[in-house]
């Protein structure tokens, strides 16, 4: 485990795998290195051509946190990692981490190629929209120390998991580590803002994200996620869309590698 210091002094923990062009992975909500083996798996599979950086976003795992939270501070964390990697890097974001990566590209971070897997946009009526008071309710639960309630809100509203599924999660060993990072659900909620409202995506938010981008979704994923992937691919100035057969929101490293290898190769030669 290594650390890098962000602009506000927060220590961000990361691990590095392989040798080659830097590729930084950005986790989505409720995910961190000890909970998600995808970074190490991609490092094993891509390590001959890329140095894969997997990091704990602030407030998770072995990373620190500094109040108050702001979207800009998480972008600064990614900037610090890119600097550590040599000044430029490819970036691959997952779920709401893809939205953080998009915001970082729009802010002008030196990202050479951007890969996005299933940013969870709700852009039509294929599922219920996230209500406008979701973040207020989440903040209230966290302020009162009700981390379990905050997790339930997250899983039942933006994730749209059935209540019985969430009840089963509460009785499983994964619930305690999820409760430990529950405050960071509000961080991702701010990145998602109104992009799960059932309305079209804002046309100007990522207008400056001109980096070549690959938008991916799973062939076995839910239809609303596919709609969101298509919407952001249509909106970005340099984006390709790719379907990964048989994959869901929990994508495997083996399914990602061919798509990433093809997409990153042109950037590596540039």
C-alpha atoms as a PDB file:
ATOM      1  CA  UNK A   1       0.000   0.000   0.000  1.00  0.00           C
ATOM      2  CA  UNK A   2       1.220   3.475  -0.955  1.00  0.00           C
ATOM      3  CA  UNK A   3      -0.141   6.941  -0.236  1.00  0.00           C
ATOM      4  CA  UNK A   4      -0.276  10.261  -2.018  1.00  0.00           C
ATOM      5  CA  UNK A   5      -1.197  13.586  -0.442  1.00  0.00           C
ATOM      6  CA  UNK A   6      -4.083  15.508  -1.965  1.00  0.00           C
ATOM      7  CA  UNK A   7      -4.231  19.298  -2.245  1.00  0.00           C
ATOM      8  CA  UNK A   8      -6.067  19.682   1.103  1.00  0.00           C
ATOM      9  CA  UNK A   9      -3.572  17.420   2.926  1.00  0.00           C
ATOM     10  CA  UNK A  10      -5.695  14.256   2.847  1.00  0.00           C
ATOM     11  CA  UNK A  11      -3.713  11.019   2.491  1.00  0.00           C
ATOM     12  CA  UNK A  12      -5.075   8.852  -0.316  1.00  0.00           C
ATOM     13  CA  UNK A  13      -4.121   5.170  -0.214  1.00  0.00           C
ATOM     14  CA  UNK A  14      -3.441   3.272  -3.410  1.00  0.00           C
ATOM     15  CA  UNK A  15      -1.808   0.152  -4.752  1.00  0.00           C
ATOM     16  CA  UNK A  16       0.050  -0.227  -8.004  1.00  0.00           C
ATOM     17  CA  UNK A  17       0.170  -3.279 -10.275  1.00  0.00           C
ATOM     18  CA  UNK A  18       2.228  -3.916 -13.404  1.00  0.00           C
ATOM     19  CA  UNK A  19       4.517  -1.799 -15.550  1.00  0.00           C
ATOM     20  CA  UNK A  20       3.562   0.451 -18.438  1.00  0.00           C
ATOM     21  CA  UNK A  21       1.216   3.295 -19.284  1.00  0.00           C
ATOM     22  CA  UNK A  22      -0.654   4.428 -16.144  1.00  0.00           C
ATOM     23  CA  UNK A  23      -4.316   3.430 -15.811  1.00  0.00           C
ATOM     24  CA  UNK A  24      -6.177   4.734 -12.743  1.00  0.00           C
ATOM     25  CA  UNK A  25      -9.378   2.995 -11.609  1.00  0.00           C
ATOM     26  CA  UNK A  26     -12.143   4.989  -9.907  1.00  0.00           C
ATOM     27  CA  UNK A  27     -14.608   3.025  -7.782  1.00  0.00           C
ATOM     28  CA  UNK A  28     -18.282   3.806  -7.444  1.00  0.00           C
ATOM     29  CA  UNK A  29     -20.346   4.223  -4.287  1.00  0.00           C
ATOM     30  CA  UNK A  30     -19.895   1.667  -1.479  1.00  0.00           C
ATOM     31  CA  UNK A  31     -16.727   0.243  -3.041  1.00  0.00           C
ATOM     32  CA  UNK A  32     -13.073   0.336  -1.951  1.00  0.00           C
ATOM     33  CA  UNK A  33      -9.927  -1.750  -2.451  1.00  0.00           C
ATOM     34  CA  UNK A  34     -10.407  -4.255   0.371  1.00  0.00           C
ATOM     35  CA  UNK A  35     -14.000  -4.790  -0.726  1.00  0.00           C
ATOM     36  CA  UNK A  36     -13.463  -4.947  -4.471  1.00  0.00           C
ATOM     37  CA  UNK A  37     -10.773  -7.191  -6.009  1.00  0.00           C
ATOM     38  CA  UNK A  38     -11.245  -5.787  -9.511  1.00  0.00           C
ATOM     39  CA  UNK A  39      -8.195  -3.518  -9.305  1.00  0.00           C
ATOM     40  CA  UNK A  40      -5.808  -6.331  -8.448  1.00  0.00           C
ATOM     41  CA  UNK A  41      -7.409  -8.575 -11.085  1.00  0.00           C
ATOM     42  CA  UNK A  42      -7.037  -5.944 -13.794  1.00  0.00           C
ATOM     43  CA  UNK A  43      -3.479  -5.366 -12.636  1.00  0.00           C
ATOM     44  CA  UNK A  44      -2.712  -9.041 -13.146  1.00  0.00           C
ATOM     45  CA  UNK A  45      -4.298  -9.107 -16.595  1.00  0.00           C
ATOM     46  CA  UNK A  46      -3.025  -5.751 -17.883  1.00  0.00           C
ATOM     47  CA  UNK A  47       0.253  -5.544 -15.963  1.00  0.00           C
ATOM     48  CA  UNK A  48       2.427  -6.357 -18.955  1.00  0.00           C
ATOM     49  CA  UNK A  49       1.355  -3.163 -20.733  1.00  0.00           C
ATOM     50  CA  UNK A  50      -0.039  -0.883 -18.017  1.00  0.00           C
ATOM     51  CA  UNK A  51       0.603   0.227 -14.476  1.00  0.00           C
ATOM     52  CA  UNK A  52      -2.820  -0.115 -12.876  1.00  0.00           C
ATOM     53  CA  UNK A  53      -3.552   2.172  -9.916  1.00  0.00           C
ATOM     54  CA  UNK A  54      -6.386   1.145  -7.597  1.00  0.00           C
ATOM     55  CA  UNK A  55      -7.107   3.642  -4.831  1.00  0.00           C
ATOM     56  CA  UNK A  56      -9.423   4.165  -1.889  1.00  0.00           C
ATOM     57  CA  UNK A  57     -11.514   7.245  -2.470  1.00  0.00           C
ATOM     58  CA  UNK A  58     -11.507   9.652   0.485  1.00  0.00           C
ATOM     59  CA  UNK A  59     -13.347   8.411   3.546  1.00  0.00           C
ATOM     60  CA  UNK A  60     -12.942   4.765   2.543  1.00  0.00           C
ATOM     61  CA  UNK A  61     -10.560   1.955   3.351  1.00  0.00           C
ATOM     62  CA  UNK A  62      -7.109   3.251   4.231  1.00  0.00           C
ATOM     63  CA  UNK A  63      -7.598   6.773   2.883  1.00  0.00           C
ATOM     64  CA  UNK A  64      -8.193   9.763   5.099  1.00  0.00           C
ATOM     65  CA  UNK A  65     -10.840  12.452   4.855  1.00  0.00           C
ATOM     66  CA  UNK A  66     -10.989  16.181   5.471  1.00  0.00           C
ATOM     67  CA  UNK A  67     -14.131  18.165   6.188  1.00  0.00           C
ATOM     68  CA  UNK A  68     -16.004  19.744   4.617  1.00  0.00           C
ATOM     69  CA  UNK A  69     -16.537  17.522   1.600  1.00  0.00           C
ATOM     70  CA  UNK A  70     -16.625  19.038  -1.863  1.00  0.00           C
ATOM     71  CA  UNK A  71     -16.741  17.588  -5.352  1.00  0.00           C
ATOM     72  CA  UNK A  72     -13.608  19.585  -6.127  1.00  0.00           C
ATOM     73  CA  UNK A  73     -11.660  17.837  -3.366  1.00  0.00           C
ATOM     74  CA  UNK A  74     -12.342  14.414  -4.873  1.00  0.00           C
ATOM     75  CA  UNK A  75     -11.188  15.739  -8.238  1.00  0.00           C
ATOM     76  CA  UNK A  76      -8.040  16.990  -6.477  1.00  0.00           C
ATOM     77  CA  UNK A  77      -7.489  13.440  -5.144  1.00  0.00           C
ATOM     78  CA  UNK A  78      -7.524  12.075  -8.669  1.00  0.00           C
ATOM     79  CA  UNK A  79      -5.220  14.893  -9.792  1.00  0.00           C
ATOM     80  CA  UNK A  80      -2.719  13.892  -7.098  1.00  0.00           C
ATOM     81  CA  UNK A  81      -2.762  10.300  -8.307  1.00  0.00           C
ATOM     82  CA  UNK A  82      -2.220  11.386 -11.905  1.00  0.00           C
ATOM     83  CA  UNK A  83       0.750  13.468 -10.779  1.00  0.00           C
ATOM     84  CA  UNK A  84       2.108  10.452  -8.879  1.00  0.00           C
ATOM     85  CA  UNK A  85       1.712   8.357 -12.035  1.00  0.00           C
ATOM     86  CA  UNK A  86       3.904  10.735 -14.028  1.00  0.00           C
ATOM     87  CA  UNK A  87       1.662  13.622 -15.015  1.00  0.00           C
ATOM     88  CA  UNK A  88      -0.770  11.972 -17.416  1.00  0.00           C
ATOM     89  CA  UNK A  89      -2.860   8.805 -17.194  1.00  0.00           C
ATOM     90  CA  UNK A  90      -5.717   6.826 -18.628  1.00  0.00           C
ATOM     91  CA  UNK A  91      -8.696   6.702 -16.249  1.00  0.00           C
ATOM     92  CA  UNK A  92     -11.446   4.087 -15.950  1.00  0.00           C
ATOM     93  CA  UNK A  93     -14.459   4.847 -13.750  1.00  0.00           C
ATOM     94  CA  UNK A  94     -17.168   2.486 -12.562  1.00  0.00           C
ATOM     95  CA  UNK A  95     -20.779   3.393 -11.761  1.00  0.00           C
ATOM     96  CA  UNK A  96     -20.844   6.745  -9.914  1.00  0.00           C
ATOM     97  CA  UNK A  97     -17.031   6.696 -10.078  1.00  0.00           C
ATOM     98  CA  UNK A  98     -17.481   7.133 -13.823  1.00  0.00           C
ATOM     99  CA  UNK A  99     -19.263  10.417 -13.109  1.00  0.00           C
ATOM    100  CA  UNK A 100     -16.358  11.559 -10.925  1.00  0.00           C
ATOM    101  CA  UNK A 101     -14.019  10.660 -13.796  1.00  0.00           C
ATOM    102  CA  UNK A 102     -16.195  12.625 -16.236  1.00  0.00           C
ATOM    103  CA  UNK A 103     -16.163  15.680 -13.966  1.00  0.00           C
ATOM    104  CA  UNK A 104     -12.382  15.390 -13.643  1.00  0.00           C
ATOM    105  CA  UNK A 105     -11.980  15.291 -17.423  1.00  0.00           C
ATOM    106  CA  UNK A 106     -14.281  18.310 -17.784  1.00  0.00           C
ATOM    107  CA  UNK A 107     -12.183  20.140 -15.165  1.00  0.00           C
ATOM    108  CA  UNK A 108      -9.123  19.714 -17.385  1.00  0.00           C
ATOM    109  CA  UNK A 109      -7.178  16.988 -15.590  1.00  0.00           C
ATOM    110  CA  UNK A 110      -4.503  15.461 -17.882  1.00  0.00           C
ATOM    111  CA  UNK A 111      -6.467  12.321 -18.727  1.00  0.00           C
ATOM    112  CA  UNK A 112      -5.323  10.770 -21.994  1.00  0.00           C
ATOM    113  CA  UNK A 113      -8.133   8.218 -22.446  1.00  0.00           C
ATOM    114  CA  UNK A 114     -11.318   7.874 -20.423  1.00  0.00           C
ATOM    115  CA  UNK A 115     -13.237   4.605 -19.999  1.00  0.00           C
ATOM    116  CA  UNK A 116     -16.620   4.553 -18.277  1.00  0.00           C
ATOM    117  CA  UNK A 117     -18.506   1.480 -17.135  1.00  0.00           C
ATOM    118  CA  UNK A 118     -22.241   1.928 -16.514  1.00  0.00           C
ATOM    119  CA  UNK A 119     -22.579   5.438 -15.096  1.00  0.00           C
ATOM    120  CA  UNK A 120     -25.955   5.086 -13.313  1.00  0.00           C
ATOM    121  CA  UNK A 121     -27.875   7.827 -15.084  1.00  0.00           C
ATOM    122  CA  UNK A 122     -31.675   7.702 -15.111  1.00  0.00           C
ATOM    123  CA  UNK A 123     -32.695   9.550 -18.261  1.00  0.00           C
ATOM    124  CA  UNK A 124     -36.164   8.177 -19.031  1.00  0.00           C
ATOM    125  CA  UNK A 125     -39.125   6.414 -17.435  1.00  0.00           C
ATOM    126  CA  UNK A 126     -37.674   2.886 -17.630  1.00  0.00           C
ATOM    127  CA  UNK A 127     -37.404   2.919 -13.816  1.00  0.00           C
ATOM    128  CA  UNK A 128     -38.527   5.272 -11.026  1.00  0.00           C
ATOM    129  CA  UNK A 129     -36.530   8.473 -10.817  1.00  0.00           C
ATOM    130  CA  UNK A 130     -34.618   9.287  -7.645  1.00  0.00           C
ATOM    131  CA  UNK A 131     -36.803  11.758  -5.709  1.00  0.00           C
ATOM    132  CA  UNK A 132     -35.549  15.279  -5.175  1.00  0.00           C
ATOM    133  CA  UNK A 133     -35.353  14.866  -1.382  1.00  0.00           C
ATOM    134  CA  UNK A 134     -33.141  11.763  -1.481  1.00  0.00           C
ATOM    135  CA  UNK A 135     -29.909  13.564  -0.615  1.00  0.00           C
ATOM    136  CA  UNK A 136     -31.615  15.551   2.155  1.00  0.00           C
ATOM    137  CA  UNK A 137     -32.910  12.325   3.708  1.00  0.00           C
ATOM    138  CA  UNK A 138     -29.500  10.678   3.346  1.00  0.00           C
ATOM    139  CA  UNK A 139     -27.763  13.641   5.001  1.00  0.00           C
ATOM    140  CA  UNK A 140     -30.269  13.562   7.865  1.00  0.00           C
ATOM    141  CA  UNK A 141     -29.693   9.855   8.533  1.00  0.00           C
ATOM    142  CA  UNK A 142     -25.948  10.336   8.575  1.00  0.00           C
ATOM    143  CA  UNK A 143     -26.103  13.441  10.773  1.00  0.00           C
ATOM    144  CA  UNK A 144     -28.111  11.449  13.337  1.00  0.00           C
ATOM    145  CA  UNK A 145     -25.659   8.529  13.235  1.00  0.00           C
ATOM    146  CA  UNK A 146     -28.131   6.196  11.523  1.00  0.00           C
ATOM    147  CA  UNK A 147     -25.674   4.669   9.074  1.00  0.00           C
ATOM    148  CA  UNK A 148     -27.743   1.543   8.531  1.00  0.00           C
ATOM    149  CA  UNK A 149     -30.723   3.676   7.545  1.00  0.00           C
ATOM    150  CA  UNK A 150     -28.519   5.608   5.133  1.00  0.00           C
ATOM    151  CA  UNK A 151     -27.417   2.356   3.510  1.00  0.00           C
ATOM    152  CA  UNK A 152     -31.030   1.211   3.201  1.00  0.00           C
ATOM    153  CA  UNK A 153     -31.928   4.490   1.497  1.00  0.00           C
ATOM    154  CA  UNK A 154     -29.030   4.116  -0.921  1.00  0.00           C
ATOM    155  CA  UNK A 155     -29.771   0.533  -1.863  1.00  0.00           C
ATOM    156  CA  UNK A 156     -33.546   0.887  -2.154  1.00  0.00           C
ATOM    157  CA  UNK A 157     -33.750   4.299  -3.897  1.00  0.00           C
ATOM    158  CA  UNK A 158     -30.862   5.006  -6.330  1.00  0.00           C
ATOM    159  CA  UNK A 159     -29.858   1.338  -6.610  1.00  0.00           C
ATOM    160  CA  UNK A 160     -33.509   0.232  -6.761  1.00  0.00           C
ATOM    161  CA  UNK A 161     -32.791  -3.076  -4.992  1.00  0.00           C
ATOM    162  CA  UNK A 162     -35.847  -5.004  -3.745  1.00  0.00           C
ATOM    163  CA  UNK A 163     -36.481  -4.550  -0.022  1.00  0.00           C
ATOM    164  CA  UNK A 164     -36.061  -8.276   0.646  1.00  0.00           C
ATOM    165  CA  UNK A 165     -32.625  -8.200  -0.987  1.00  0.00           C
ATOM    166  CA  UNK A 166     -31.526  -5.330   1.255  1.00  0.00           C
ATOM    167  CA  UNK A 167     -32.873  -7.201   4.300  1.00  0.00           C
ATOM    168  CA  UNK A 168     -30.660 -10.140   3.364  1.00  0.00           C
ATOM    169  CA  UNK A 169     -27.652  -7.857   3.017  1.00  0.00           C
ATOM    170  CA  UNK A 170     -28.240  -6.506   6.534  1.00  0.00           C
ATOM    171  CA  UNK A 171     -27.877 -10.019   7.913  1.00  0.00           C
ATOM    172  CA  UNK A 172     -24.681 -10.733   5.980  1.00  0.00           C
ATOM    173  CA  UNK A 173     -21.007 -10.039   6.826  1.00  0.00           C
ATOM    174  CA  UNK A 174     -20.803  -7.279   4.216  1.00  0.00           C
ATOM    175  CA  UNK A 175     -23.075  -4.898   6.151  1.00  0.00           C
ATOM    176  CA  UNK A 176     -20.552  -3.832   8.817  1.00  0.00           C
ATOM    177  CA  UNK A 177     -17.829  -2.695   6.361  1.00  0.00           C
ATOM    178  CA  UNK A 178     -20.491  -0.911   4.336  1.00  0.00           C
ATOM    179  CA  UNK A 179     -21.718   0.933   7.428  1.00  0.00           C
ATOM    180  CA  UNK A 180     -18.129   2.049   8.079  1.00  0.00           C
ATOM    181  CA  UNK A 181     -18.053   3.995   4.797  1.00  0.00           C
ATOM    182  CA  UNK A 182     -21.728   5.027   4.750  1.00  0.00           C
ATOM    183  CA  UNK A 183     -20.892   8.771   5.049  1.00  0.00           C
ATOM    184  CA  UNK A 184     -19.294   8.616   1.596  1.00  0.00           C
ATOM    185  CA  UNK A 185     -22.669   7.751   0.058  1.00  0.00           C
ATOM    186  CA  UNK A 186     -23.447  11.451   0.384  1.00  0.00           C
ATOM    187  CA  UNK A 187     -20.294  12.226  -1.612  1.00  0.00           C
ATOM    188  CA  UNK A 188     -21.465  10.123  -4.550  1.00  0.00           C
ATOM    189  CA  UNK A 189     -24.937  11.575  -4.157  1.00  0.00           C
ATOM    190  CA  UNK A 190     -23.471  14.991  -4.894  1.00  0.00           C
ATOM    191  CA  UNK A 191     -21.673  13.767  -7.997  1.00  0.00           C
ATOM    192  CA  UNK A 192     -24.901  12.240  -9.259  1.00  0.00           C
ATOM    193  CA  UNK A 193     -26.855  15.436  -8.410  1.00  0.00           C
ATOM    194  CA  UNK A 194     -29.922  15.495 -10.677  1.00  0.00           C
ATOM    195  CA  UNK A 195     -28.666  12.926 -13.215  1.00  0.00           C
ATOM    196  CA  UNK A 196     -31.053  10.260 -11.891  1.00  0.00           C
ATOM    197  CA  UNK A 197     -34.149  12.421 -12.300  1.00  0.00           C
ATOM    198  CA  UNK A 198     -35.575  10.723 -15.386  1.00  0.00           C
ATOM    199  CA  UNK A 199     -34.801  13.810 -17.468  1.00  0.00           C
ATOM    200  CA  UNK A 200     -32.166  14.202 -20.219  1.00  0.00           C
ATOM    201  CA  UNK A 201     -28.591  14.752 -19.083  1.00  0.00           C
ATOM    202  CA  UNK A 202     -27.352  18.349 -18.792  1.00  0.00           C
ATOM    203  CA  UNK A 203     -25.781  19.340 -22.097  1.00  0.00           C
ATOM    204  CA  UNK A 204     -23.166  21.698 -20.660  1.00  0.00           C
ATOM    205  CA  UNK A 205     -21.786  19.833 -17.618  1.00  0.00           C
ATOM    206  CA  UNK A 206     -19.259  17.766 -19.605  1.00  0.00           C
ATOM    207  CA  UNK A 207     -18.977  19.917 -22.721  1.00  0.00           C
ATOM    208  CA  UNK A 208     -15.265  20.486 -22.049  1.00  0.00           C
ATOM    209  CA  UNK A 209     -14.531  16.745 -21.654  1.00  0.00           C
ATOM    210  CA  UNK A 210     -12.968  16.349 -25.091  1.00  0.00           C
ATOM    211  CA  UNK A 211     -10.780  13.331 -24.236  1.00  0.00           C
ATOM    212  CA  UNK A 212     -11.433  10.155 -26.274  1.00  0.00           C
ATOM    213  CA  UNK A 213     -13.934   8.147 -24.245  1.00  0.00           C
ATOM    214  CA  UNK A 214     -15.196   4.571 -24.224  1.00  0.00           C
ATOM    215  CA  UNK A 215     -18.627   4.071 -22.654  1.00  0.00           C
ATOM    216  CA  UNK A 216     -19.362   0.446 -21.733  1.00  0.00           C
ATOM    217  CA  UNK A 217     -22.396  -1.402 -20.456  1.00  0.00           C
ATOM    218  CA  UNK A 218     -23.196  -5.040 -19.807  1.00  0.00           C
ATOM    219  CA  UNK A 219     -25.310  -7.040 -22.212  1.00  0.00           C
ATOM    220  CA  UNK A 220     -27.226  -8.543 -19.272  1.00  0.00           C
ATOM    221  CA  UNK A 221     -27.633  -5.296 -17.354  1.00  0.00           C
ATOM    222  CA  UNK A 222     -30.860  -3.406 -16.685  1.00  0.00           C
ATOM    223  CA  UNK A 223     -32.440  -1.386 -19.480  1.00  0.00           C
ATOM    224  CA  UNK A 224     -32.279   1.937 -17.614  1.00  0.00           C
ATOM    225  CA  UNK A 225     -28.509   1.641 -17.307  1.00  0.00           C
ATOM    226  CA  UNK A 226     -28.229   0.964 -21.042  1.00  0.00           C
ATOM    227  CA  UNK A 227     -30.304   4.081 -21.729  1.00  0.00           C
ATOM    228  CA  UNK A 228     -27.988   6.131 -19.521  1.00  0.00           C
ATOM    229  CA  UNK A 229     -24.874   4.772 -21.232  1.00  0.00           C
ATOM    230  CA  UNK A 230     -26.265   5.606 -24.646  1.00  0.00           C
ATOM    231  CA  UNK A 231     -27.250   9.088 -23.486  1.00  0.00           C
ATOM    232  CA  UNK A 232     -23.784  10.032 -22.248  1.00  0.00           C
ATOM    233  CA  UNK A 233     -22.110   8.496 -25.316  1.00  0.00           C
ATOM    234  CA  UNK A 234     -24.341  10.648 -27.541  1.00  0.00           C
ATOM    235  CA  UNK A 235     -23.544  13.748 -25.486  1.00  0.00           C
ATOM    236  CA  UNK A 236     -19.748  13.531 -25.380  1.00  0.00           C
ATOM    237  CA  UNK A 237     -17.744  14.919 -28.311  1.00  0.00           C
ATOM    238  CA  UNK A 238     -15.442  11.878 -28.698  1.00  0.00           C
ATOM    239  CA  UNK A 239     -17.181   8.767 -27.408  1.00  0.00           C
ATOM    240  CA  UNK A 240     -17.627   5.182 -28.533  1.00  0.00           C
ATOM    241  CA  UNK A 241     -20.221   2.832 -27.059  1.00  0.00           C
ATOM    242  CA  UNK A 242     -19.544  -0.847 -26.388  1.00  0.00           C
ATOM    243  CA  UNK A 243     -21.693  -3.695 -25.124  1.00  0.00           C
ATOM    244  CA  UNK A 244     -19.900  -6.326 -23.005  1.00  0.00           C
ATOM    245  CA  UNK A 245     -21.867  -9.556 -23.555  1.00  0.00           C
ATOM    246  CA  UNK A 246     -23.376 -11.323 -20.545  1.00  0.00           C
ATOM    247  CA  UNK A 247     -22.157  -8.695 -18.066  1.00  0.00           C
ATOM    248  CA  UNK A 248     -24.166  -6.926 -15.375  1.00  0.00           C
ATOM    249  CA  UNK A 249     -23.330  -3.908 -13.187  1.00  0.00           C
ATOM    250  CA  UNK A 250     -20.823  -6.188 -11.403  1.00  0.00           C
ATOM    251  CA  UNK A 251     -18.495  -6.569 -14.370  1.00  0.00           C
ATOM    252  CA  UNK A 252     -15.636  -9.076 -14.404  1.00  0.00           C
ATOM    253  CA  UNK A 253     -12.023  -8.216 -15.127  1.00  0.00           C
ATOM    254  CA  UNK A 254     -11.926 -10.850 -17.873  1.00  0.00           C
ATOM    255  CA  UNK A 255     -14.785  -9.135 -19.717  1.00  0.00           C
ATOM    256  CA  UNK A 256     -13.259  -5.667 -19.361  1.00  0.00           C
ATOM    257  CA  UNK A 257      -9.757  -6.461 -20.556  1.00  0.00           C
ATOM    258  CA  UNK A 258     -10.430  -6.961 -24.296  1.00  0.00           C
ATOM    259  CA  UNK A 259     -12.442  -3.736 -24.510  1.00  0.00           C
ATOM    260  CA  UNK A 260      -9.905  -1.741 -22.502  1.00  0.00           C
ATOM    261  CA  UNK A 261      -6.945  -3.180 -24.408  1.00  0.00           C
ATOM    262  CA  UNK A 262      -8.418  -2.224 -27.777  1.00  0.00           C
ATOM    263  CA  UNK A 263      -9.405   1.256 -26.624  1.00  0.00           C
ATOM    264  CA  UNK A 264      -6.221   2.120 -24.730  1.00  0.00           C
ATOM    265  CA  UNK A 265      -3.865   0.852 -27.414  1.00  0.00           C
ATOM    266  CA  UNK A 266      -4.320   3.920 -29.616  1.00  0.00           C
ATOM    267  CA  UNK A 267      -3.696   6.188 -26.647  1.00  0.00           C
ATOM    268  CA  UNK A 268      -0.569   4.250 -25.688  1.00  0.00           C
ATOM    269  CA  UNK A 269       0.844   4.762 -29.186  1.00  0.00           C
ATOM    270  CA  UNK A 270       0.057   8.481 -29.241  1.00  0.00           C
END
